[in-house]
Amino acid sequence: MIKMRLIRLLKGAGQYVVYQILWQWLSLLVQIVIVWNIAGLIEDAGKQGIRTERILVALGIIIPGLLLRFVCDRLYTAASFRASADVKRILRGRIYQKILRLGPSYREQIGSAELVQMSGEGVEQLETYFGRYLSQFFYALLAPLTLFFVLSPIDLRTATLLLLAVPLIPLVIMLVMLVAKRLLSRYFDIYYGLGDSFLEKLQGMTTLKIYQADRAAADDMDRESERFRKITMKVLTMQLNSTSVMDIIAYGGAAVGIVSALARFASGELSLAGVLMFILLAAEFFLPMRILGSFFHIGMNGMKASDRIFAFLDLPEPEVGKAELGTGNIDIRMEALSFSYEESRPILKGITLELPAQSFVSLVGVSGSGKSTIAGILMGRNRGYGGSLRLNGEELSRVSTESLMNHLTMVGHDSRFFRASVRENLLLAKPEATELEMKEALRKVNLLSFIEAQGGLEMQLASNGSNLSGGQKQRLALARALLHDTPVYIFDEATSNIDAESEEMIMKVIHELTKSRTVLLISHRLANVVGSDNIYMLKDGKIAEAGSHAELMRQAGAYRRLFEEQSQLERFAGGRRDSHA
């Protein structure tokens, strides 16, 4: 079970595998010297008694030999650790670099849960593979040959018998491999599936509780966990059974060799020292291969983990754009833009629109009409679009990801915050931002006084900002976006599901941005888009109407009907609030 691609990929860690083999082999040679001295000492005692000089000579070899074996074992452990550390560093670095090359659209090709499991458990499997299994594989081949070379001059027949019995262990390993390959494939499929399911249900726990579907979700998890338990027990049973068989072969083979040596000694064909050498070293023919057998499941797990990792590393990468957008404002033009997540389900159907530099453009329409898909394409999250999308005359697909991120900022309705201080979350947008700049951004969104009352910029946020209200989270997201300071801002339902005060504050900041930036506003609430230079109303992936608010109202089409319906509902809701007051 040696995968050359894996070894080539991790050539930096390969040297430590060689060191492990070297230290084990040197330890074996030292053990042979120690056994030879002990056997000679016992033979001398049986023949003529032991002289003090002979004992001192033997001790002068045995004691340093034991110390040398201890040093070799420590060096082997150190090399094993270095190999493991290098594997984790190299592989996780490769996975990270692959994610960067895939760009913002990487989630189109791999799930987040699988990626986390691959970077965690998958890499850990290969850490053990390189740290223990690989060196043991080569040492298990080298040790019997070394012992045969040493013992064959003493008694060729017994040494040959021991050497011929050693391949029985890898034969068992090969038979087990035929069963294990399919079993481990199922094991990892179920394992990664369980991780995806668990993450999905954990993230949706609030929704499950609201609709009292948490019990059904828990039952689903129980069933999936039971499947995983059963497949795990099958893997463990297979490993236990194979270990038992290998023990029988290893110790049985050593016993056969010892019996052969004793028979040769009884017939006078082998000296006392010779028979003691075979008795004390017979097990060493089999133990390296036996230990390899115990690492067999590690090797198989490592192979399956490497298959997953290589499948990810082999994912087709989008053509990397290298064009830079330069400084200044950005003009955006879309012509016959089309996109579909699945071939049979087109989302955008020939969208043509313009976002001139320093303009305020809005996208409106019912849910599913394609508004957020356009934002995703602009941010590089949705690739493989048809038609043309140009920024300052440069096709989006030719623009480098770094340049795109430096010129466009998007604020959605679910901006992510990390369990850290407010300062650390703000510095994500501008690492070199001063305290004055961060406070000014917070002041603009009317959040500074609240933050200062909670400890200032060192205020600690809970996971995803759960210790903030919905409106406060959105205002903090806007403050972070202001620090990024890019020529283009995209607001995708940034005012949905928040209180009226926060919505008003956010819209005030957005209107201020329109004086010097290109702003694309996606909103379900038409009252927020009234001041736009141009409004595009999408329906079924197409532009149904376009124009300013006044122009669309004069057209008396779908936009006007939706606007009047929303206005009537808001007046009704306002009247009800007044009557309750």
Protein backbone atom coordinates (compact mmCIF):
# COMPACT_ATOMS: atom_id res chain seq x y z
CA MET A 1 0.00 0.00 0.00
CA ILE A 2 2.43 2.59 -1.25
CA LYS A 3 1.08 5.48 -3.27
CA MET A 4 3.93 7.13 -5.15
CA ARG A 5 1.99 10.31 -5.80
CA LEU A 6 1.60 10.75 -2.07
CA ILE A 7 5.31 10.24 -1.49
CA ARG A 8 6.19 12.70 -4.26
CA LEU A 9 3.76 15.25 -2.85
CA LEU A 10 5.33 14.93 0.59
CA LYS A 11 8.96 14.59 -0.46
CA GLY A 12 9.98 16.93 2.37
CA ALA A 13 8.65 14.42 4.92
CA GLY A 14 10.26 11.47 3.10
CA GLN A 15 13.66 12.08 4.65
CA TYR A 16 12.22 11.45 8.11
CA VAL A 17 10.77 8.14 6.93
CA VAL A 18 14.30 7.14 5.84
CA TYR A 19 15.62 8.19 9.26
CA GLN A 20 13.01 6.02 10.98
CA ILE A 21 14.06 2.97 8.95
CA LEU A 22 17.74 3.69 9.66
CA TRP A 23 17.30 3.97 13.44
CA GLN A 24 15.19 0.79 13.58
CA TRP A 25 17.74 -1.10 11.52
CA LEU A 26 20.65 0.11 13.66
CA SER A 27 18.72 -0.91 16.77
CA LEU A 28 18.28 -4.40 15.28
CA LEU A 29 22.01 -4.69 14.54
CA VAL A 30 22.81 -3.66 18.11
CA GLN A 31 20.34 -6.27 19.38
CA ILE A 32 22.06 -8.97 17.29
CA VAL A 33 25.43 -7.99 18.78
CA ILE A 34 23.96 -8.11 22.31
CA VAL A 35 22.36 -11.53 21.71
CA TRP A 36 25.60 -12.87 20.18
CA ASN A 37 27.52 -11.81 23.30
CA ILE A 38 24.94 -13.28 25.68
CA ALA A 39 24.87 -16.58 23.74
CA GLY A 40 28.68 -16.74 23.69
CA LEU A 41 28.84 -16.01 27.39
CA ILE A 42 26.39 -18.81 28.21
CA GLU A 43 28.25 -21.25 25.94
CA ASP A 44 31.57 -20.41 27.61
CA ALA A 45 29.98 -20.93 31.03
CA GLY A 46 28.81 -24.39 29.96
CA LYS A 47 32.19 -25.40 28.59
CA GLN A 48 34.86 -24.00 30.88
CA GLY A 49 33.30 -21.57 33.30
CA ILE A 50 33.23 -17.81 32.94
CA ARG A 51 36.34 -15.82 33.59
CA THR A 52 36.09 -12.30 35.02
CA GLU A 53 37.75 -10.83 31.95
CA ARG A 54 35.16 -12.48 29.69
CA ILE A 55 32.29 -11.08 31.77
CA LEU A 56 33.79 -7.59 31.71
CA VAL A 57 34.25 -7.74 27.94
CA ALA A 58 30.64 -8.90 27.49
CA LEU A 59 29.32 -6.19 29.81
CA GLY A 60 31.47 -3.65 27.98
CA ILE A 61 29.51 -4.54 24.83
CA ILE A 62 26.04 -5.24 26.27
CA ILE A 63 25.64 -2.11 28.43
CA PRO A 64 26.70 0.39 25.71
CA GLY A 65 24.56 -1.64 23.31
CA LEU A 66 21.49 -1.19 25.50
CA LEU A 67 22.20 2.52 25.76
CA LEU A 68 22.64 2.72 22.00
CA ARG A 69 19.30 0.95 21.47
CA PHE A 70 17.66 3.48 23.80
CA VAL A 71 19.19 6.33 21.78
CA CYS A 72 18.03 4.72 18.50
CA ASP A 73 14.49 4.38 19.89
CA ARG A 74 14.46 8.04 20.90
CA LEU A 75 15.78 9.12 17.51
CA TYR A 76 13.16 6.92 15.81
CA THR A 77 10.41 8.60 17.86
CA ALA A 78 11.78 12.05 17.02
CA ALA A 79 11.90 11.23 13.30
CA SER A 80 8.36 9.88 13.50
CA PHE A 81 7.19 13.12 15.08
CA ARG A 82 8.96 15.24 12.46
CA ALA A 83 7.45 13.16 9.65
CA SER A 84 3.97 13.57 11.18
CA ALA A 85 4.40 17.32 11.70
CA ASP A 86 5.64 17.83 8.13
CA VAL A 87 2.74 15.84 6.70
CA LYS A 88 0.17 17.98 8.50
CA ARG A 89 1.90 21.20 7.51
CA ILE A 90 2.34 20.25 3.85
CA LEU A 91 -1.09 18.69 3.29
CA ARG A 92 -3.08 21.40 5.04
CA GLY A 93 -1.06 23.97 3.15
CA ARG A 94 -1.91 22.25 -0.15
CA ILE A 95 -5.61 22.09 0.75
CA TYR A 96 -5.62 25.77 1.72
CA GLN A 97 -3.83 26.77 -1.48
CA LYS A 98 -6.35 24.74 -3.49
CA ILE A 99 -9.24 26.59 -1.82
CA LEU A 100 -7.59 29.89 -2.72
CA ARG A 101 -7.18 28.78 -6.33
CA LEU A 102 -10.80 27.66 -6.52
CA GLY A 103 -11.73 31.12 -5.30
CA PRO A 104 -15.00 32.27 -3.72
CA SER A 105 -16.92 29.63 -5.72
CA TYR A 106 -15.21 26.62 -4.04
CA ARG A 107 -18.47 25.64 -2.31
CA GLU A 108 -19.95 24.77 -5.68
CA GLN A 109 -17.65 21.73 -5.78
CA ILE A 110 -17.24 20.57 -2.16
CA GLY A 111 -19.28 20.83 1.02
CA SER A 112 -17.93 22.76 3.98
CA ALA A 113 -18.35 19.80 6.37
CA GLU A 114 -16.40 17.44 4.07
CA LEU A 115 -13.66 20.02 3.69
CA VAL A 116 -13.36 20.41 7.47
CA GLN A 117 -13.30 16.63 8.00
CA MET A 118 -10.74 16.18 5.23
CA SER A 119 -8.46 18.86 6.69
CA GLY A 120 -8.88 17.43 10.18
CA GLU A 121 -9.48 13.68 10.39
CA GLY A 122 -8.28 12.95 6.86
CA VAL A 123 -4.91 14.63 7.41
CA GLU A 124 -4.59 12.98 10.83
CA GLN A 125 -4.94 9.57 9.15
CA LEU A 126 -2.07 10.40 6.82
CA GLU A 127 -0.04 11.76 9.72
CA THR A 128 -0.08 8.27 11.28
CA TYR A 129 0.48 6.69 7.88
CA PHE A 130 3.71 8.64 7.39
CA GLY A 131 4.72 8.72 11.03
CA ARG A 132 4.46 4.96 11.67
CA TYR A 133 3.12 2.78 8.86
CA LEU A 134 5.38 3.73 5.95
CA SER A 135 8.67 3.27 7.78
CA GLN A 136 7.41 0.01 9.31
CA PHE A 137 6.56 -1.28 5.83
CA PHE A 138 10.14 -0.97 4.61
CA TYR A 139 11.68 -2.09 7.90
CA ALA A 140 9.48 -5.22 7.89
CA LEU A 141 11.14 -6.15 4.57
CA LEU A 142 14.65 -5.26 5.69
CA ALA A 143 14.68 -6.95 9.14
CA PRO A 144 14.08 -10.60 8.05
CA LEU A 145 16.70 -10.30 5.30
CA THR A 146 19.21 -8.88 7.78
CA LEU A 147 18.53 -11.70 10.28
CA PHE A 148 18.78 -14.31 7.52
CA PHE A 149 22.14 -12.88 6.44
CA VAL A 150 23.40 -13.08 10.06
CA LEU A 151 21.94 -16.49 11.00
CA SER A 152 22.34 -18.45 7.77
CA PRO A 153 26.10 -19.06 8.37
CA ILE A 154 25.15 -20.57 11.76
CA ASP A 155 22.44 -22.86 10.34
CA LEU A 156 21.17 -22.34 6.79
CA ARG A 157 18.21 -24.74 7.05
CA THR A 158 16.64 -23.13 10.14
CA ALA A 159 17.31 -19.60 8.87
CA THR A 160 15.68 -20.49 5.53
CA LEU A 161 12.68 -22.00 7.31
CA LEU A 162 12.15 -18.81 9.31
CA LEU A 163 12.57 -16.60 6.25
CA LEU A 164 10.07 -18.62 4.18
CA ALA A 165 7.45 -18.39 6.96
CA VAL A 166 7.58 -14.56 7.08
CA PRO A 167 5.61 -13.98 3.79
CA LEU A 168 2.61 -15.74 5.31
CA ILE A 169 1.82 -12.54 7.25
CA PRO A 170 1.67 -10.23 4.18
CA LEU A 171 -0.38 -12.96 2.47
CA VAL A 172 -2.96 -12.60 5.24
CA ILE A 173 -2.75 -8.83 4.88
CA MET A 174 -3.45 -9.09 1.14
CA LEU A 175 -6.49 -11.30 1.76
CA VAL A 176 -7.82 -8.88 4.36
CA MET A 177 -7.20 -5.99 1.98
CA LEU A 178 -9.63 -7.45 -0.54
CA VAL A 179 -12.39 -7.29 2.07
CA ALA A 180 -11.23 -4.07 3.70
CA LYS A 181 -11.05 -1.97 0.55
CA ARG A 182 -14.79 -2.02 -0.08
CA LEU A 183 -15.62 -1.91 3.63
CA LEU A 184 -13.46 1.17 4.26
CA SER A 185 -14.90 2.89 1.21
CA ARG A 186 -18.37 2.50 2.71
CA TYR A 187 -17.02 3.55 6.10
CA PHE A 188 -15.69 6.89 4.80
CA ASP A 189 -18.82 7.54 2.71
CA ILE A 190 -20.99 7.13 5.82
CA TYR A 191 -18.51 9.08 7.97
CA TYR A 192 -18.43 12.14 5.70
CA GLY A 193 -22.20 11.92 5.17
CA LEU A 194 -22.75 11.92 8.94
CA GLY A 195 -20.56 15.01 9.26
CA ASP A 196 -22.53 16.87 6.56
CA SER A 197 -25.84 15.92 8.16
CA PHE A 198 -24.72 16.90 11.65
CA LEU A 199 -23.43 20.31 10.51
CA GLU A 200 -26.61 21.02 8.55
CA LYS A 201 -28.89 20.18 11.47
CA LEU A 202 -26.72 22.06 13.94
CA GLN A 203 -26.82 25.20 11.82
CA GLY A 204 -30.58 24.87 11.39
CA MET A 205 -31.32 24.07 15.04
CA THR A 206 -33.27 27.29 15.62
CA THR A 207 -35.53 26.59 12.63
CA LEU A 208 -36.04 22.98 13.75
CA LYS A 209 -37.04 24.14 17.23
CA ILE A 210 -39.45 26.76 15.89
CA TYR A 211 -41.32 24.17 13.83
CA GLN A 212 -40.94 21.47 16.50
CA ALA A 213 -39.09 19.31 14.01
CA ASP A 214 -36.09 18.80 16.29
CA ARG A 215 -37.30 15.38 17.44
CA ALA A 216 -37.58 14.14 13.85
CA ALA A 217 -34.12 15.58 13.12
CA ALA A 218 -32.73 13.84 16.21
CA ASP A 219 -34.27 10.56 15.05
CA ASP A 220 -32.61 11.01 11.66
CA MET A 221 -29.28 11.60 13.38
CA ASP A 222 -29.82 8.50 15.52
CA ARG A 223 -30.42 6.39 12.42
CA GLU A 224 -27.34 7.79 10.67
CA SER A 225 -25.26 7.34 13.83
CA GLU A 226 -26.44 3.74 14.11
CA ARG A 227 -25.36 3.10 10.51
CA PHE A 228 -21.97 4.57 11.36
CA ARG A 229 -21.73 2.47 14.55
CA LYS A 230 -22.46 -0.72 12.62
CA ILE A 231 -19.92 -0.02 9.90
CA THR A 232 -17.35 0.96 12.55
CA MET A 233 -17.90 -2.32 14.38
CA LYS A 234 -17.46 -4.23 11.12
CA VAL A 235 -14.15 -2.47 10.51
CA LEU A 236 -12.99 -3.18 14.07
CA THR A 237 -14.07 -6.83 13.83
CA MET A 238 -12.15 -7.22 10.59
CA GLN A 239 -9.07 -5.66 12.19
CA LEU A 240 -9.34 -7.84 15.32
CA ASN A 241 -9.75 -11.06 13.33
CA SER A 242 -6.82 -10.23 11.05
CA THR A 243 -4.69 -9.41 14.11
CA SER A 244 -5.49 -12.78 15.69
CA VAL A 245 -4.54 -14.66 12.52
CA MET A 246 -1.28 -12.70 12.22
CA ASP A 247 -0.44 -13.47 15.86
CA ILE A 248 -0.89 -17.18 15.22
CA ILE A 249 1.35 -17.02 12.14
CA ALA A 250 4.02 -14.85 13.79
CA TYR A 251 4.41 -16.77 17.01
CA GLY A 252 3.74 -20.10 15.31
CA GLY A 253 6.48 -19.39 12.78
CA ALA A 254 8.90 -18.40 15.54
CA ALA A 255 8.02 -21.61 17.42
CA VAL A 256 8.68 -23.72 14.32
CA GLY A 257 12.08 -22.07 13.90
CA ILE A 258 12.96 -22.65 17.57
CA VAL A 259 11.92 -26.31 17.37
CA SER A 260 14.06 -26.74 14.24
CA ALA A 261 17.05 -25.15 15.98
CA LEU A 262 16.59 -27.37 19.07
CA ALA A 263 16.40 -30.46 16.85
CA ARG A 264 19.61 -29.47 15.12
CA PHE A 265 21.24 -28.87 18.52
CA ALA A 266 20.05 -32.28 19.81
CA SER A 267 21.63 -33.96 16.75
CA GLY A 268 24.89 -32.14 17.39
CA GLU A 269 24.66 -30.03 14.17
CA LEU A 270 24.25 -26.74 16.05
CA SER A 271 26.27 -25.32 18.93
CA LEU A 272 24.76 -24.05 22.17
CA ALA A 273 25.54 -20.46 21.18
CA GLY A 274 23.92 -21.09 17.79
CA VAL A 275 20.70 -22.49 19.23
CA LEU A 276 20.52 -19.60 21.71
CA MET A 277 20.91 -17.13 18.83
CA PHE A 278 17.92 -18.71 17.06
CA ILE A 279 15.84 -18.90 20.26
CA LEU A 280 16.47 -15.23 21.11
CA LEU A 281 16.14 -13.86 17.55
CA ALA A 282 13.47 -16.11 15.96
CA ALA A 283 10.65 -13.78 16.96
CA GLU A 284 12.50 -10.82 15.38
CA PHE A 285 11.91 -12.40 11.96
CA PHE A 286 8.15 -11.95 12.46
CA LEU A 287 7.64 -9.06 14.88
CA PRO A 288 8.35 -6.26 12.34
CA MET A 289 5.85 -7.79 9.91
CA ARG A 290 3.43 -8.43 12.77
CA ILE A 291 3.64 -4.78 13.84
CA LEU A 292 3.10 -3.81 10.21
CA GLY A 293 -0.04 -5.93 10.25
CA SER A 294 -1.29 -4.04 13.31
CA PHE A 295 -0.71 -0.82 11.35
CA PHE A 296 -2.57 -2.26 8.38
CA HIS A 297 -5.84 -0.48 9.15
CA ILE A 298 -3.85 2.77 9.49
CA GLY A 299 -2.42 2.18 6.05
CA MET A 300 -5.84 1.46 4.55
CA ASN A 301 -7.36 4.51 6.26
CA GLY A 302 -4.45 6.59 4.99
CA MET A 303 -5.02 5.35 1.44
CA LYS A 304 -8.73 6.17 1.57
CA ALA A 305 -8.02 9.55 3.14
CA SER A 306 -5.44 10.30 0.43
CA ASP A 307 -7.99 9.32 -2.25
CA ARG A 308 -10.37 11.95 -0.86
CA ILE A 309 -7.64 14.57 -0.59
CA PHE A 310 -6.34 13.92 -4.12
CA ALA A 311 -9.89 14.00 -5.49
CA PHE A 312 -10.20 17.47 -3.97
CA LEU A 313 -6.77 18.60 -5.16
CA ASP A 314 -7.68 17.36 -8.68
CA LEU A 315 -10.88 19.38 -8.87
CA PRO A 316 -10.91 21.51 -12.03
CA GLU A 317 -9.86 25.04 -11.27
CA PRO A 318 -11.40 28.07 -12.91
CA GLU A 319 -9.18 29.94 -15.27
CA VAL A 320 -7.27 32.36 -13.09
CA GLY A 321 -7.75 35.96 -14.09
CA LYS A 322 -4.75 38.24 -13.92
CA ALA A 323 -6.20 41.57 -14.99
CA GLU A 324 -6.15 44.42 -12.47
CA LEU A 325 -8.94 46.95 -12.23
CA GLY A 326 -6.69 49.81 -11.22
CA THR A 327 -7.74 52.70 -9.02
CA GLY A 328 -10.77 54.93 -9.20
CA ASN A 329 -14.45 54.29 -9.76
CA ILE A 330 -15.87 51.20 -11.40
CA ASP A 331 -18.33 51.04 -14.27
CA ILE A 332 -20.23 47.73 -14.56
CA ARG A 333 -22.04 46.47 -17.67
CA MET A 334 -23.91 43.20 -18.17
CA GLU A 335 -24.95 42.02 -21.62
CA ALA A 336 -27.09 38.92 -22.22
CA LEU A 337 -25.96 37.56 -18.86
CA SER A 338 -27.18 34.02 -18.19
CA PHE A 339 -26.58 31.52 -15.43
CA SER A 340 -27.92 28.22 -14.14
CA TYR A 341 -27.05 26.09 -11.14
CA GLU A 342 -28.33 23.06 -13.06
CA GLU A 343 -28.59 22.72 -16.82
CA SER A 344 -32.30 22.04 -16.62
CA ARG A 345 -33.00 25.05 -14.39
CA PRO A 346 -31.78 28.38 -15.79
CA ILE A 347 -31.80 31.23 -13.25
CA LEU A 348 -30.78 34.23 -15.37
CA LYS A 349 -31.97 34.53 -18.95
CA GLY A 350 -30.21 37.24 -20.93
CA ILE A 351 -29.89 40.03 -18.37
CA THR A 352 -28.65 43.34 -19.78
CA LEU A 353 -28.14 46.23 -17.38
CA GLU A 354 -25.67 48.98 -16.47
CA LEU A 355 -24.19 50.26 -13.23
CA PRO A 356 -22.38 53.45 -14.25
CA ALA A 357 -19.63 54.68 -11.96
CA GLN A 358 -20.97 56.52 -8.87
CA SER A 359 -24.54 55.49 -9.66
CA PHE A 360 -27.25 54.11 -7.39
CA VAL A 361 -28.90 51.09 -9.02
CA SER A 362 -31.46 48.78 -7.45
CA LEU A 363 -32.66 45.27 -8.23
CA VAL A 364 -36.16 44.31 -7.14
CA GLY A 365 -38.45 41.39 -7.75
CA VAL A 366 -40.07 38.45 -6.05
CA SER A 367 -38.00 35.77 -4.35
CA GLY A 368 -36.29 33.45 -6.83
CA SER A 369 -36.18 35.96 -9.66
CA GLY A 370 -32.36 35.95 -9.75
CA LYS A 371 -31.37 39.07 -7.79
CA SER A 372 -28.94 37.41 -5.38
CA THR A 373 -27.51 35.28 -8.19
CA ILE A 374 -26.38 38.48 -9.94
CA ALA A 375 -24.70 39.61 -6.70
CA GLY A 376 -23.02 36.20 -6.40
CA ILE A 377 -21.68 36.43 -9.95
CA LEU A 378 -20.33 39.93 -9.31
CA MET A 379 -18.50 38.72 -6.18
CA GLY A 380 -17.02 35.72 -8.02
CA ARG A 381 -19.04 33.15 -6.06
CA ASN A 382 -21.06 31.94 -9.03
CA ARG A 383 -18.82 31.09 -11.98
CA GLY A 384 -19.62 29.67 -15.37
CA TYR A 385 -21.95 32.46 -16.44
CA GLY A 386 -22.90 33.08 -20.03
CA GLY A 387 -22.91 36.38 -21.87
CA SER A 388 -20.73 39.24 -20.76
CA LEU A 389 -20.06 41.04 -17.49
CA ARG A 390 -17.48 43.81 -17.71
CA LEU A 391 -15.90 46.00 -15.05
CA ASN A 392 -14.32 49.09 -16.57
CA GLY A 393 -14.36 47.22 -19.87
CA GLU A 394 -12.55 44.15 -18.44
CA GLU A 395 -14.40 40.82 -18.55
CA LEU A 396 -15.03 39.57 -15.00
CA SER A 397 -13.52 36.14 -15.73
CA ARG A 398 -10.20 37.81 -16.59
CA VAL A 399 -10.05 39.89 -13.39
CA SER A 400 -7.91 38.50 -10.57
CA THR A 401 -9.75 37.47 -7.41
CA GLU A 402 -7.58 39.77 -5.30
CA SER A 403 -8.34 42.78 -7.48
CA LEU A 404 -12.06 41.94 -7.44
CA MET A 405 -12.11 41.71 -3.63
CA ASN A 406 -10.21 45.01 -3.40
CA HIS A 407 -12.84 46.83 -5.47
CA LEU A 408 -16.16 45.24 -4.46
CA THR A 409 -17.73 44.85 -1.02
CA MET A 410 -20.97 43.00 -0.36
CA VAL A 411 -23.15 43.24 2.72
CA GLY A 412 -25.78 40.53 2.93
CA HIS A 413 -28.50 39.76 5.44
CA ASP A 414 -26.39 37.09 7.15
CA SER A 415 -22.93 38.61 7.54
CA ARG A 416 -20.63 36.42 9.60
CA PHE A 417 -18.97 37.45 12.85
CA PHE A 418 -16.31 35.52 14.72
CA ARG A 419 -15.92 34.81 18.41
CA ALA A 420 -13.46 37.60 19.04
CA SER A 421 -13.42 41.27 19.97
CA VAL A 422 -15.20 43.97 17.98
CA ARG A 423 -11.74 45.28 17.09
CA GLU A 424 -10.63 41.95 15.60
CA ASN A 425 -13.85 41.59 13.59
CA LEU A 426 -13.47 45.11 12.19
CA LEU A 427 -9.79 44.63 11.34
CA LEU A 428 -10.79 41.84 8.94
CA ALA A 429 -11.85 44.58 6.54
CA LYS A 430 -8.78 46.75 7.03
CA PRO A 431 -5.92 45.22 9.05
CA GLU A 432 -4.07 48.54 9.27
CA ALA A 433 -7.13 50.53 10.44
CA THR A 434 -6.50 52.90 13.33
CA GLU A 435 -8.67 53.08 16.44
CA LEU A 436 -9.97 56.45 15.26
CA GLU A 437 -11.04 54.97 11.88
CA MET A 438 -12.86 52.08 13.55
CA LYS A 439 -14.69 54.38 15.94
CA GLU A 440 -15.65 56.69 13.08
CA ALA A 441 -17.15 53.74 11.17
CA LEU A 442 -19.12 52.72 14.27
CA ARG A 443 -20.28 56.31 14.74
CA LYS A 444 -21.61 56.47 11.18
CA VAL A 445 -23.88 53.48 11.84
CA ASN A 446 -24.92 54.84 15.27
CA LEU A 447 -23.30 51.96 17.15
CA LEU A 448 -20.37 53.68 18.85
CA SER A 449 -22.12 54.62 22.11
CA PHE A 450 -23.43 51.06 22.56
CA ILE A 451 -20.03 49.48 21.88
CA GLU A 452 -18.25 51.88 24.24
CA ALA A 453 -20.75 51.10 26.98
CA GLN A 454 -19.90 47.39 26.57
CA GLY A 455 -16.14 47.78 26.90
CA GLY A 456 -15.28 49.59 23.68
CA LEU A 457 -13.46 47.91 20.81
CA GLU A 458 -12.41 45.10 23.16
CA MET A 459 -16.05 44.04 23.60
CA GLN A 460 -16.16 40.29 23.00
CA LEU A 461 -18.63 38.96 20.45
CA ALA A 462 -20.22 35.55 20.90
CA SER A 463 -20.23 33.04 18.04
CA ASN A 464 -21.64 34.79 14.96
CA GLY A 465 -22.44 37.84 17.09
CA SER A 466 -25.28 36.11 18.94
CA ASN A 467 -24.98 38.61 21.82
CA LEU A 468 -26.11 41.40 19.47
CA SER A 469 -29.60 42.10 18.18
CA GLY A 470 -30.36 41.61 14.50
CA GLY A 471 -30.21 45.33 13.84
CA GLN A 472 -26.95 45.76 15.75
CA LYS A 473 -25.35 42.92 13.79
CA GLN A 474 -26.32 44.51 10.49
CA ARG A 475 -25.02 47.92 11.56
CA LEU A 476 -21.74 46.34 12.70
CA ALA A 477 -21.53 44.55 9.33
CA LEU A 478 -22.03 47.90 7.61
CA ALA A 479 -19.33 49.51 9.76
CA ARG A 480 -16.93 46.75 8.73
CA ALA A 481 -17.87 47.28 5.08
CA LEU A 482 -17.21 51.02 5.39
CA LEU A 483 -13.71 50.28 6.65
CA HIS A 484 -13.05 48.18 3.54
CA ASP A 485 -13.59 51.36 1.50
CA THR A 486 -14.06 50.04 -2.04
CA PRO A 487 -15.40 51.76 -5.19
CA VAL A 488 -18.40 49.36 -5.42
CA TYR A 489 -20.82 48.31 -2.68
CA ILE A 490 -23.45 45.62 -3.06
CA PHE A 491 -26.24 45.38 -0.49
CA ASP A 492 -28.14 42.11 -0.78
CA GLU A 493 -31.26 42.37 1.42
CA ALA A 494 -29.09 44.14 3.99
CA THR A 495 -32.17 45.64 5.68
CA SER A 496 -34.32 42.51 5.90
CA ASN A 497 -35.48 41.17 9.26
CA ILE A 498 -34.26 44.12 11.31
CA ASP A 499 -35.98 46.85 13.31
CA ALA A 500 -37.19 50.05 11.65
CA GLU A 501 -34.60 52.21 13.41
CA SER A 502 -31.71 50.10 12.15
CA GLU A 503 -33.21 49.96 8.66
CA GLU A 504 -33.48 53.74 8.56
CA MET A 505 -29.90 54.15 9.79
CA ILE A 506 -28.54 51.68 7.21
CA MET A 507 -30.42 53.35 4.35
CA LYS A 508 -29.06 56.70 5.46
CA VAL A 509 -25.50 55.37 5.20
CA ILE A 510 -26.26 53.76 1.82
CA HIS A 511 -27.56 57.07 0.43
CA GLU A 512 -24.41 58.77 1.71
CA LEU A 513 -22.29 56.19 -0.11
CA THR A 514 -24.08 56.83 -3.40
CA LYS A 515 -22.48 60.30 -3.54
CA SER A 516 -19.03 58.84 -4.18
CA ARG A 517 -19.42 55.10 -4.83
CA THR A 518 -21.18 52.73 -7.20
CA VAL A 519 -23.99 51.14 -5.19
CA LEU A 520 -26.12 48.12 -6.12
CA LEU A 521 -29.05 47.66 -3.76
CA ILE A 522 -31.08 44.45 -3.74
CA SER A 523 -34.22 44.87 -1.71
CA HIS A 524 -37.64 43.33 -1.36
CA ARG A 525 -38.94 46.60 0.16
CA LEU A 526 -39.56 49.03 -2.67
CA ALA A 527 -39.71 52.06 -0.39
CA ASN A 528 -35.92 51.73 -0.01
CA VAL A 529 -35.22 51.98 -3.77
CA VAL A 530 -37.26 55.10 -4.51
CA GLY A 531 -34.15 57.31 -4.68
CA SER A 532 -32.28 55.03 -7.11
CA ASP A 533 -30.95 56.39 -10.40
CA ASN A 534 -32.23 53.25 -12.06
CA ILE A 535 -34.39 50.34 -10.91
CA TYR A 536 -34.46 46.94 -12.61
CA MET A 537 -37.38 44.70 -11.81
CA LEU A 538 -36.63 41.01 -12.37
CA LYS A 539 -39.18 38.34 -13.08
CA ASP A 540 -38.41 34.71 -13.90
CA GLY A 541 -34.75 35.49 -14.56
CA LYS A 542 -35.47 38.35 -16.97
CA ILE A 543 -35.74 42.12 -16.68
CA ALA A 544 -39.45 42.85 -16.76
CA GLU A 545 -39.21 46.62 -16.25
CA ALA A 546 -36.46 49.22 -15.91
CA GLY A 547 -36.30 52.93 -15.15
CA SER A 548 -36.40 55.43 -12.33
CA HIS A 549 -39.10 55.22 -9.66
CA ALA A 550 -41.11 57.96 -11.33
CA GLU A 551 -40.83 56.31 -14.75
CA LEU A 552 -41.89 52.91 -13.43
CA MET A 553 -44.86 54.40 -11.60
CA ARG A 554 -46.00 56.07 -14.85
CA GLN A 555 -45.76 52.72 -16.67
CA ALA A 556 -48.40 51.33 -14.30
CA GLY A 557 -46.93 47.85 -14.58
CA ALA A 558 -45.84 45.17 -12.11
CA TYR A 559 -43.54 47.56 -10.22
CA ARG A 560 -46.32 50.05 -9.53
CA ARG A 561 -48.73 47.31 -8.41
CA LEU A 562 -46.16 45.84 -6.02
CA PHE A 563 -45.20 49.28 -4.69
CA GLU A 564 -48.82 50.23 -3.99
CA GLU A 565 -49.53 46.89 -2.33
CA GLN A 566 -46.54 47.32 -0.02
CA SER A 567 -47.46 50.92 0.76
CA GLN A 568 -51.01 49.89 1.65
CA LEU A 569 -49.77 47.09 3.92
CA GLU A 570 -47.32 49.45 5.67
CA ARG A 571 -50.07 52.07 6.20
CA PHE A 572 -52.33 49.35 7.59
CA ALA A 573 -49.58 48.08 9.90
CA GLY A 574 -48.86 51.65 11.02
CA GLY A 575 -52.54 52.26 11.71
CA ARG A 576 -52.78 49.14 13.80
CA ARG A 577 -49.74 50.19 15.84
CA ASP A 578 -51.34 53.62 16.42
CA SER A 579 -54.64 52.09 17.55
CA HIS A 580 -52.85 49.77 19.99
CA ALA A 581 -50.92 52.75 21.32
